[in-house]
Amino acid sequence: MHGYYDEKYKLSKPWSRTKPHWPPAKALQGWADAKGIPVYLVQKAIAEKGTPIIPFFKIAIKKNEVQKKLLLKGTGLKIEATWRAGRKLPKGLPNG
């Protein structure tokens, strides 16, 4: 679960949790089988505690802030260079 991007969730453990709810068994069956846990017990635990919200979008944005700034700066320079190249007028025309 990611949660909503505009809400404030902790970016470290223990994560915030969703509201308790009773999920469908079909959605949990594969995970429960892999862990060797009866699906009913997984449903019951989620109904009591909810599920952890791991804000992976927020974590990724936070970890990539420097790269984002470098990419934006480089892209801005490329746009500016392309724009300037397109603005060059042939010789003999006024620079109006």
PDB file of N, CA and C in Angstrom:
ATOM      1  N   MET A   1       0.848  -1.187   0.000  1.00  0.00           N
ATOM      2  CA  MET A   1       0.000   0.000   0.000  1.00  0.00           C
ATOM      3  C   MET A   1       0.884   1.238   0.000  1.00  0.00           C
ATOM      4  N   HIS A   2       0.523   2.176  -0.789  1.00  0.00           N
ATOM      5  CA  HIS A   2       1.281   3.425  -0.815  1.00  0.00           C
ATOM      6  C   HIS A   2       0.640   4.503   0.032  1.00  0.00           C
ATOM      7  N   GLY A   3      -0.636   4.605   0.009  1.00  0.00           N
ATOM      8  CA  GLY A   3      -1.308   5.700   0.689  1.00  0.00           C
ATOM      9  C   GLY A   3      -1.498   6.844  -0.296  1.00  0.00           C
ATOM     10  N   TYR A   4      -1.937   7.977   0.182  1.00  0.00           N
ATOM     11  CA  TYR A   4      -2.168   9.123  -0.675  1.00  0.00           C
ATOM     12  C   TYR A   4      -0.967  10.047  -0.626  1.00  0.00           C
ATOM     13  N   TYR A   5      -0.547  10.537  -1.792  1.00  0.00           N
ATOM     14  CA  TYR A   5       0.664  11.351  -1.874  1.00  0.00           C
ATOM     15  C   TYR A   5       0.549  12.639  -1.068  1.00  0.00           C
ATOM     16  N   ASP A   6      -0.643  13.210  -0.985  1.00  0.00           N
ATOM     17  CA  ASP A   6      -0.790  14.503  -0.316  1.00  0.00           C
ATOM     18  C   ASP A   6      -0.929  14.391   1.206  1.00  0.00           C
ATOM     19  N   GLU A   7      -1.031  13.187   1.733  1.00  0.00           N
ATOM     20  CA  GLU A   7      -1.129  13.032   3.178  1.00  0.00           C
ATOM     21  C   GLU A   7       0.257  12.810   3.774  1.00  0.00           C
ATOM     22  N   LYS A   8       0.400  13.128   5.035  1.00  0.00           N
ATOM     23  CA  LYS A   8       1.695  12.994   5.688  1.00  0.00           C
ATOM     24  C   LYS A   8       1.813  11.610   6.330  1.00  0.00           C
ATOM     25  N   TYR A   9       2.700  10.802   5.792  1.00  0.00           N
ATOM     26  CA  TYR A   9       3.000   9.495   6.353  1.00  0.00           C
ATOM     27  C   TYR A   9       4.465   9.474   6.745  1.00  0.00           C
ATOM     28  N   LYS A  10       4.764   8.698   7.752  1.00  0.00           N
ATOM     29  CA  LYS A  10       6.142   8.573   8.208  1.00  0.00           C
ATOM     30  C   LYS A  10       6.980   7.909   7.122  1.00  0.00           C
ATOM     31  N   LEU A  11       8.199   8.396   6.926  1.00  0.00           N
ATOM     32  CA  LEU A  11       9.093   7.797   5.948  1.00  0.00           C
ATOM     33  C   LEU A  11      10.059   6.826   6.615  1.00  0.00           C
ATOM     34  N   SER A  12       9.760   6.413   7.812  1.00  0.00           N
ATOM     35  CA  SER A  12      10.579   5.416   8.488  1.00  0.00           C
ATOM     36  C   SER A  12       9.656   4.478   9.262  1.00  0.00           C
ATOM     37  N   LYS A  13      10.173   3.333   9.623  1.00  0.00           N
ATOM     38  CA  LYS A  13       9.365   2.371  10.375  1.00  0.00           C
ATOM     39  C   LYS A  13       9.157   2.889  11.787  1.00  0.00           C
ATOM     40  N   PRO A  14       8.091   2.624  12.473  1.00  0.00           N
ATOM     41  CA  PRO A  14       6.935   1.870  11.994  1.00  0.00           C
ATOM     42  C   PRO A  14       6.071   2.726  11.071  1.00  0.00           C
ATOM     43  N   TRP A  15       5.669   2.154   9.969  1.00  0.00           N
ATOM     44  CA  TRP A  15       4.862   2.873   8.983  1.00  0.00           C
ATOM     45  C   TRP A  15       3.466   3.142   9.533  1.00  0.00           C
ATOM     46  N   SER A  16       2.821   4.130   8.974  1.00  0.00           N
ATOM     47  CA  SER A  16       1.403   4.355   9.281  1.00  0.00           C
ATOM     48  C   SER A  16       0.617   3.161   8.740  1.00  0.00           C
ATOM     49  N   ARG A  17      -0.597   2.988   9.180  1.00  0.00           N
ATOM     50  CA  ARG A  17      -1.399   1.848   8.737  1.00  0.00           C
ATOM     51  C   ARG A  17      -2.723   2.307   8.139  1.00  0.00           C
ATOM     52  N   THR A  18      -3.290   1.455   7.282  1.00  0.00           N
ATOM     53  CA  THR A  18      -4.606   1.729   6.716  1.00  0.00           C
ATOM     54  C   THR A  18      -5.663   1.463   7.773  1.00  0.00           C
ATOM     55  N   LYS A  19      -6.878   1.857   7.475  1.00  0.00           N
ATOM     56  CA  LYS A  19      -7.991   1.524   8.357  1.00  0.00           C
ATOM     57  C   LYS A  19      -8.201   0.011   8.301  1.00  0.00           C
ATOM     58  N   PRO A  20      -8.556  -0.594   9.421  1.00  0.00           N
ATOM     59  CA  PRO A  20      -8.857  -2.026   9.382  1.00  0.00           C
ATOM     60  C   PRO A  20      -9.991  -2.316   8.393  1.00  0.00           C
ATOM     61  N   HIS A  21      -9.844  -3.379   7.647  1.00  0.00           N
ATOM     62  CA  HIS A  21     -10.859  -3.771   6.657  1.00  0.00           C
ATOM     63  C   HIS A  21     -10.741  -5.275   6.430  1.00  0.00           C
ATOM     64  N   TRP A  22     -11.749  -5.864   5.839  1.00  0.00           N
ATOM     65  CA  TRP A  22     -11.760  -7.297   5.572  1.00  0.00           C
ATOM     66  C   TRP A  22     -11.524  -7.510   4.079  1.00  0.00           C
ATOM     67  N   PRO A  23     -10.281  -7.836   3.678  1.00  0.00           N
ATOM     68  CA  PRO A  23      -9.982  -7.994   2.255  1.00  0.00           C
ATOM     69  C   PRO A  23     -10.488  -9.336   1.721  1.00  0.00           C
ATOM     70  N   PRO A  24     -10.673  -9.432   0.405  1.00  0.00           N
ATOM     71  CA  PRO A  24     -11.120 -10.702  -0.177  1.00  0.00           C
ATOM     72  C   PRO A  24     -10.008 -11.756  -0.099  1.00  0.00           C
ATOM     73  N   ALA A  25     -10.400 -12.986   0.160  1.00  0.00           N
ATOM     74  CA  ALA A  25      -9.434 -14.081   0.292  1.00  0.00           C
ATOM     75  C   ALA A  25      -8.648 -14.291  -0.999  1.00  0.00           C
ATOM     76  N   LYS A  26      -9.301 -14.120  -2.128  1.00  0.00           N
ATOM     77  CA  LYS A  26      -8.655 -14.339  -3.431  1.00  0.00           C
ATOM     78  C   LYS A  26      -7.431 -13.431  -3.608  1.00  0.00           C
ATOM     79  N   ALA A  27      -7.513 -12.208  -3.104  1.00  0.00           N
ATOM     80  CA  ALA A  27      -6.413 -11.260  -3.244  1.00  0.00           C
ATOM     81  C   ALA A  27      -5.217 -11.648  -2.368  1.00  0.00           C
ATOM     82  N   LEU A  28      -5.453 -12.383  -1.304  1.00  0.00           N
ATOM     83  CA  LEU A  28      -4.393 -12.737  -0.351  1.00  0.00           C
ATOM     84  C   LEU A  28      -3.891 -14.166  -0.485  1.00  0.00           C
ATOM     85  N   GLN A  29      -4.600 -14.983  -1.244  1.00  0.00           N
ATOM     86  CA  GLN A  29      -4.324 -16.427  -1.280  1.00  0.00           C
ATOM     87  C   GLN A  29      -2.878 -16.744  -1.646  1.00  0.00           C
ATOM     88  N   GLY A  30      -2.349 -16.133  -2.692  1.00  0.00           N
ATOM     89  CA  GLY A  30      -0.977 -16.418  -3.128  1.00  0.00           C
ATOM     90  C   GLY A  30       0.055 -16.069  -2.066  1.00  0.00           C
ATOM     91  N   TRP A  31      -0.111 -14.909  -1.466  1.00  0.00           N
ATOM     92  CA  TRP A  31       0.827 -14.474  -0.426  1.00  0.00           C
ATOM     93  C   TRP A  31       0.744 -15.382   0.793  1.00  0.00           C
ATOM     94  N   ALA A  32      -0.472 -15.689   1.222  1.00  0.00           N
ATOM     95  CA  ALA A  32      -0.664 -16.540   2.397  1.00  0.00           C
ATOM     96  C   ALA A  32      -0.089 -17.931   2.163  1.00  0.00           C
ATOM     97  N   ASP A  33      -0.298 -18.484   0.955  1.00  0.00           N
ATOM     98  CA  ASP A  33       0.251 -19.803   0.633  1.00  0.00           C
ATOM     99  C   ASP A  33       1.780 -19.777   0.659  1.00  0.00           C
ATOM    100  N   ALA A  34       2.372 -18.713   0.126  1.00  0.00           N
ATOM    101  CA  ALA A  34       3.833 -18.604   0.102  1.00  0.00           C
ATOM    102  C   ALA A  34       4.414 -18.530   1.511  1.00  0.00           C
ATOM    103  N   LYS A  35       3.689 -17.935   2.426  1.00  0.00           N
ATOM    104  CA  LYS A  35       4.152 -17.798   3.812  1.00  0.00           C
ATOM    105  C   LYS A  35       3.721 -18.975   4.692  1.00  0.00           C
ATOM    106  N   GLY A  36       2.845 -19.843   4.163  1.00  0.00           N
ATOM    107  CA  GLY A  36       2.366 -20.986   4.933  1.00  0.00           C
ATOM    108  C   GLY A  36       1.385 -20.606   6.030  1.00  0.00           C
ATOM    109  N   ILE A  37       0.620 -19.535   5.790  1.00  0.00           N
ATOM    110  CA  ILE A  37      -0.348 -19.045   6.766  1.00  0.00           C
ATOM    111  C   ILE A  37      -1.748 -19.223   6.182  1.00  0.00           C
ATOM    112  N   PRO A  38      -2.699 -19.706   6.971  1.00  0.00           N
ATOM    113  CA  PRO A  38      -4.074 -19.789   6.463  1.00  0.00           C
ATOM    114  C   PRO A  38      -4.586 -18.387   6.088  1.00  0.00           C
ATOM    115  N   VAL A  39      -5.221 -18.295   4.938  1.00  0.00           N
ATOM    116  CA  VAL A  39      -5.680 -16.999   4.434  1.00  0.00           C
ATOM    117  C   VAL A  39      -6.661 -16.339   5.396  1.00  0.00           C
ATOM    118  N   TYR A  40      -7.448 -17.142   6.102  1.00  0.00           N
ATOM    119  CA  TYR A  40      -8.409 -16.573   7.065  1.00  0.00           C
ATOM    120  C   TYR A  40      -7.677 -15.778   8.151  1.00  0.00           C
ATOM    121  N   LEU A  41      -6.532 -16.289   8.628  1.00  0.00           N
ATOM    122  CA  LEU A  41      -5.787 -15.590   9.678  1.00  0.00           C
ATOM    123  C   LEU A  41      -5.203 -14.265   9.164  1.00  0.00           C
ATOM    124  N   VAL A  42      -4.805 -14.247   7.907  1.00  0.00           N
ATOM    125  CA  VAL A  42      -4.305 -13.000   7.312  1.00  0.00           C
ATOM    126  C   VAL A  42      -5.449 -11.990   7.227  1.00  0.00           C
ATOM    127  N   GLN A  43      -6.601 -12.439   6.771  1.00  0.00           N
ATOM    128  CA  GLN A  43      -7.771 -11.561   6.703  1.00  0.00           C
ATOM    129  C   GLN A  43      -8.119 -11.013   8.080  1.00  0.00           C
ATOM    130  N   LYS A  44      -8.077 -11.875   9.084  1.00  0.00           N
ATOM    131  CA  LYS A  44      -8.439 -11.466  10.433  1.00  0.00           C
ATOM    132  C   LYS A  44      -7.451 -10.425  10.970  1.00  0.00           C
ATOM    133  N   ALA A  45      -6.166 -10.627  10.715  1.00  0.00           N
ATOM    134  CA  ALA A  45      -5.150  -9.670  11.185  1.00  0.00           C
ATOM    135  C   ALA A  45      -5.345  -8.307  10.521  1.00  0.00           C
ATOM    136  N   ILE A  46      -5.649  -8.301   9.222  1.00  0.00           N
ATOM    137  CA  ILE A  46      -5.894  -7.035   8.515  1.00  0.00           C
ATOM    138  C   ILE A  46      -7.172  -6.382   9.034  1.00  0.00           C
ATOM    139  N   ALA A  47      -8.168  -7.198   9.355  1.00  0.00           N
ATOM    140  CA  ALA A  47      -9.420  -6.661   9.897  1.00  0.00           C
ATOM    141  C   ALA A  47      -9.207  -6.033  11.274  1.00  0.00           C
ATOM    142  N   GLU A  48      -8.208  -6.487  12.003  1.00  0.00           N
ATOM    143  CA  GLU A  48      -7.929  -5.937  13.330  1.00  0.00           C
ATOM    144  C   GLU A  48      -6.958  -4.759  13.303  1.00  0.00           C
ATOM    145  N   LYS A  49      -5.899  -4.857  12.468  1.00  0.00           N
ATOM    146  CA  LYS A  49      -4.826  -3.854  12.503  1.00  0.00           C
ATOM    147  C   LYS A  49      -4.697  -2.998  11.253  1.00  0.00           C
ATOM    148  N   GLY A  50      -5.291  -3.408  10.134  1.00  0.00           N
ATOM    149  CA  GLY A  50      -5.053  -2.729   8.866  1.00  0.00           C
ATOM    150  C   GLY A  50      -3.750  -3.233   8.259  1.00  0.00           C
ATOM    151  N   THR A  51      -3.279  -2.573   7.229  1.00  0.00           N
ATOM    152  CA  THR A  51      -2.016  -2.962   6.588  1.00  0.00           C
ATOM    153  C   THR A  51      -1.052  -1.781   6.636  1.00  0.00           C
ATOM    154  N   PRO A  52       0.254  -2.055   6.652  1.00  0.00           N
ATOM    155  CA  PRO A  52       1.204  -0.948   6.693  1.00  0.00           C
ATOM    156  C   PRO A  52       1.175  -0.158   5.390  1.00  0.00           C
ATOM    157  N   ILE A  53       1.247   1.147   5.521  1.00  0.00           N
ATOM    158  CA  ILE A  53       1.328   2.016   4.344  1.00  0.00           C
ATOM    159  C   ILE A  53       2.793   2.351   4.145  1.00  0.00           C
ATOM    160  N   ILE A  54       3.345   1.871   3.057  1.00  0.00           N
ATOM    161  CA  ILE A  54       4.743   2.161   2.738  1.00  0.00           C
ATOM    162  C   ILE A  54       4.725   3.179   1.602  1.00  0.00           C
ATOM    163  N   PRO A  55       5.044   4.424   1.903  1.00  0.00           N
ATOM    164  CA  PRO A  55       4.942   5.493   0.905  1.00  0.00           C
ATOM    165  C   PRO A  55       6.096   5.449  -0.101  1.00  0.00           C
ATOM    166  N   PHE A  56       6.090   4.445  -0.993  1.00  0.00           N
ATOM    167  CA  PHE A  56       7.221   4.252  -1.891  1.00  0.00           C
ATOM    168  C   PHE A  56       7.411   5.402  -2.872  1.00  0.00           C
ATOM    169  N   PHE A  57       6.348   6.077  -3.270  1.00  0.00           N
ATOM    170  CA  PHE A  57       6.523   7.249  -4.141  1.00  0.00           C
ATOM    171  C   PHE A  57       7.284   8.351  -3.407  1.00  0.00           C
ATOM    172  N   LYS A  58       6.889   8.624  -2.180  1.00  0.00           N
ATOM    173  CA  LYS A  58       7.568   9.660  -1.400  1.00  0.00           C
ATOM    174  C   LYS A  58       9.022   9.281  -1.142  1.00  0.00           C
ATOM    175  N   ILE A  59       9.279   8.019  -0.845  1.00  0.00           N
ATOM    176  CA  ILE A  59      10.644   7.557  -0.599  1.00  0.00           C
ATOM    177  C   ILE A  59      11.482   7.732  -1.859  1.00  0.00           C
ATOM    178  N   ALA A  60      10.937   7.346  -3.013  1.00  0.00           N
ATOM    179  CA  ALA A  60      11.671   7.476  -4.274  1.00  0.00           C
ATOM    180  C   ALA A  60      11.945   8.938  -4.613  1.00  0.00           C
ATOM    181  N   ILE A  61      10.966   9.796  -4.417  1.00  0.00           N
ATOM    182  CA  ILE A  61      11.153  11.225  -4.699  1.00  0.00           C
ATOM    183  C   ILE A  61      12.233  11.793  -3.791  1.00  0.00           C
ATOM    184  N   LYS A  62      12.201  11.429  -2.533  1.00  0.00           N
ATOM    185  CA  LYS A  62      13.187  11.934  -1.577  1.00  0.00           C
ATOM    186  C   LYS A  62      14.593  11.458  -1.940  1.00  0.00           C
ATOM    187  N   LYS A  63      14.731  10.188  -2.337  1.00  0.00           N
ATOM    188  CA  LYS A  63      16.041   9.633  -2.659  1.00  0.00           C
ATOM    189  C   LYS A  63      16.606  10.176  -3.965  1.00  0.00           C
ATOM    190  N   ASN A  64      15.747  10.645  -4.872  1.00  0.00           N
ATOM    191  CA  ASN A  64      16.194  11.077  -6.196  1.00  0.00           C
ATOM    192  C   ASN A  64      16.144  12.585  -6.392  1.00  0.00           C
ATOM    193  N   GLU A  65      16.082  13.348  -5.332  1.00  0.00           N
ATOM    194  CA  GLU A  65      15.969  14.809  -5.435  1.00  0.00           C
ATOM    195  C   GLU A  65      17.153  15.417  -6.185  1.00  0.00           C
ATOM    196  N   VAL A  66      18.377  14.972  -5.897  1.00  0.00           N
ATOM    197  CA  VAL A  66      19.573  15.524  -6.550  1.00  0.00           C
ATOM    198  C   VAL A  66      19.547  15.207  -8.039  1.00  0.00           C
ATOM    199  N   GLN A  67      19.239  13.957  -8.399  1.00  0.00           N
ATOM    200  CA  GLN A  67      19.168  13.569  -9.805  1.00  0.00           C
ATOM    201  C   GLN A  67      18.102  14.368 -10.542  1.00  0.00           C
ATOM    202  N   LYS A  68      16.967  14.593  -9.886  1.00  0.00           N
ATOM    203  CA  LYS A  68      15.880  15.354 -10.509  1.00  0.00           C
ATOM    204  C   LYS A  68      16.342  16.772 -10.838  1.00  0.00           C
ATOM    205  N   LYS A  69      17.025  17.402  -9.891  1.00  0.00           N
ATOM    206  CA  LYS A  69      17.500  18.770 -10.117  1.00  0.00           C
ATOM    207  C   LYS A  69      18.510  18.824 -11.252  1.00  0.00           C
ATOM    208  N   LEU A  70      19.425  17.843 -11.317  1.00  0.00           N
ATOM    209  CA  LEU A  70      20.412  17.810 -12.398  1.00  0.00           C
ATOM    210  C   LEU A  70      19.745  17.604 -13.762  1.00  0.00           C
ATOM    211  N   LEU A  71      18.771  16.687 -13.813  1.00  0.00           N
ATOM    212  CA  LEU A  71      18.066  16.444 -15.075  1.00  0.00           C
ATOM    213  C   LEU A  71      17.287  17.682 -15.525  1.00  0.00           C
ATOM    214  N   LEU A  72      16.631  18.356 -14.589  1.00  0.00           N
ATOM    215  CA  LEU A  72      15.884  19.563 -14.944  1.00  0.00           C
ATOM    216  C   LEU A  72      16.811  20.667 -15.441  1.00  0.00           C
ATOM    217  N   LYS A  73      17.955  20.814 -14.786  1.00  0.00           N
ATOM    218  CA  LYS A  73      18.903  21.840 -15.214  1.00  0.00           C
ATOM    219  C   LYS A  73      19.443  21.533 -16.613  1.00  0.00           C
ATOM    220  N   GLY A  74      19.825  20.271 -16.842  1.00  0.00           N
ATOM    221  CA  GLY A  74      20.322  19.870 -18.158  1.00  0.00           C
ATOM    222  C   GLY A  74      19.274  20.039 -19.246  1.00  0.00           C
ATOM    223  N   THR A  75      18.049  19.692 -18.939  1.00  0.00           N
ATOM    224  CA  THR A  75      16.958  19.836 -19.909  1.00  0.00           C
ATOM    225  C   THR A  75      16.718  21.309 -20.217  1.00  0.00           C
ATOM    226  N   GLY A  76      16.767  22.151 -19.188  1.00  0.00           N
ATOM    227  CA  GLY A  76      16.601  23.593 -19.403  1.00  0.00           C
ATOM    228  C   GLY A  76      17.682  24.152 -20.304  1.00  0.00           C
ATOM    229  N   LEU A  77      18.922  23.712 -20.110  1.00  0.00           N
ATOM    230  CA  LEU A  77      20.024  24.175 -20.966  1.00  0.00           C
ATOM    231  C   LEU A  77      19.840  23.711 -22.407  1.00  0.00           C
ATOM    232  N   LYS A  78      19.387  22.475 -22.606  1.00  0.00           N
ATOM    233  CA  LYS A  78      19.148  21.974 -23.962  1.00  0.00           C
ATOM    234  C   LYS A  78      18.025  22.748 -24.651  1.00  0.00           C
ATOM    235  N   ILE A  79      16.958  23.038 -23.914  1.00  0.00           N
ATOM    236  CA  ILE A  79      15.846  23.811 -24.489  1.00  0.00           C
ATOM    237  C   ILE A  79      16.325  25.200 -24.873  1.00  0.00           C
ATOM    238  N   GLU A  80      17.096  25.815 -23.994  1.00  0.00           N
ATOM    239  CA  GLU A  80      17.603  27.160 -24.274  1.00  0.00           C
ATOM    240  C   GLU A  80      18.523  27.153 -25.489  1.00  0.00           C
ATOM    241  N   ALA A  81      19.399  26.152 -25.614  1.00  0.00           N
ATOM    242  CA  ALA A  81      20.305  26.064 -26.757  1.00  0.00           C
ATOM    243  C   ALA A  81      19.527  25.860 -28.055  1.00  0.00           C
ATOM    244  N   THR A  82      18.525  25.017 -28.023  1.00  0.00           N
ATOM    245  CA  THR A  82      17.694  24.772 -29.210  1.00  0.00           C
ATOM    246  C   THR A  82      16.939  26.035 -29.599  1.00  0.00           C
ATOM    247  N   TRP A  83      16.406  26.735 -28.621  1.00  0.00           N
ATOM    248  CA  TRP A  83      15.676  27.972 -28.890  1.00  0.00           C
ATOM    249  C   TRP A  83      16.599  29.018 -29.496  1.00  0.00           C
ATOM    250  N   ARG A  84      17.804  29.169 -28.920  1.00  0.00           N
ATOM    251  CA  ARG A  84      18.758  30.148 -29.449  1.00  0.00           C
ATOM    252  C   ARG A  84      19.174  29.789 -30.874  1.00  0.00           C
ATOM    253  N   ALA A  85      19.378  28.496 -31.151  1.00  0.00           N
ATOM    254  CA  ALA A  85      19.771  28.066 -32.497  1.00  0.00           C
ATOM    255  C   ALA A  85      18.670  28.385 -33.499  1.00  0.00           C
ATOM    256  N   GLY A  86      17.428  28.268 -33.099  1.00  0.00           N
ATOM    257  CA  GLY A  86      16.306  28.562 -33.980  1.00  0.00           C
ATOM    258  C   GLY A  86      16.099  30.047 -34.191  1.00  0.00           C
ATOM    259  N   ARG A  87      16.637  30.879 -33.304  1.00  0.00           N
ATOM    260  CA  ARG A  87      16.462  32.329 -33.386  1.00  0.00           C
ATOM    261  C   ARG A  87      17.504  32.995 -34.268  1.00  0.00           C
ATOM    262  N   LYS A  88      18.552  32.284 -34.637  1.00  0.00           N
ATOM    263  CA  LYS A  88      19.605  32.881 -35.460  1.00  0.00           C
ATOM    264  C   LYS A  88      19.032  33.220 -36.836  1.00  0.00           C
ATOM    265  N   LEU A  89      19.247  34.470 -37.226  1.00  0.00           N
ATOM    266  CA  LEU A  89      18.730  34.922 -38.519  1.00  0.00           C
ATOM    267  C   LEU A  89      19.823  34.825 -39.576  1.00  0.00           C
ATOM    268  N   PRO A  90      19.465  34.579 -40.813  1.00  0.00           N
ATOM    269  CA  PRO A  90      20.458  34.544 -41.874  1.00  0.00           C
ATOM    270  C   PRO A  90      21.138  35.915 -42.006  1.00  0.00           C
ATOM    271  N   LYS A  91      22.377  35.893 -42.503  1.00  0.00           N
ATOM    272  CA  LYS A  91      23.128  37.126 -42.686  1.00  0.00           C
ATOM    273  C   LYS A  91      22.381  38.055 -43.638  1.00  0.00           C
ATOM    274  N   GLY A  92      22.462  39.330 -43.354  1.00  0.00           N
ATOM    275  CA  GLY A  92      21.833  40.316 -44.222  1.00  0.00           C
ATOM    276  C   GLY A  92      20.454  40.757 -43.748  1.00  0.00           C
ATOM    277  N   LEU A  93      19.824  40.008 -42.825  1.00  0.00           N
ATOM    278  CA  LEU A  93      18.522  40.386 -42.310  1.00  0.00           C
ATOM    279  C   LEU A  93      18.712  41.193 -41.024  1.00  0.00           C
ATOM    280  N   PRO A  94      17.820  42.129 -40.759  1.00  0.00           N
ATOM    281  CA  PRO A  94      17.934  42.905 -39.521  1.00  0.00           C
ATOM    282  C   PRO A  94      17.731  42.004 -38.286  1.00  0.00           C
ATOM    283  N   ASN A  95      18.319  42.375 -37.166  1.00  0.00           N
ATOM    284  CA  ASN A  95      18.208  41.590 -35.933  1.00  0.00           C
ATOM    285  C   ASN A  95      16.948  41.919 -35.166  1.00  0.00           C
ATOM    286  N   GLY A  96      15.919  42.360 -35.814  1.00  0.00           N
ATOM    287  CA  GLY A  96      14.703  42.816 -35.205  1.00  0.00           C
ATOM    288  C   GLY A  96      14.049  41.828 -34.379  1.00  0.00           C
TER     289      GLY A  96
END
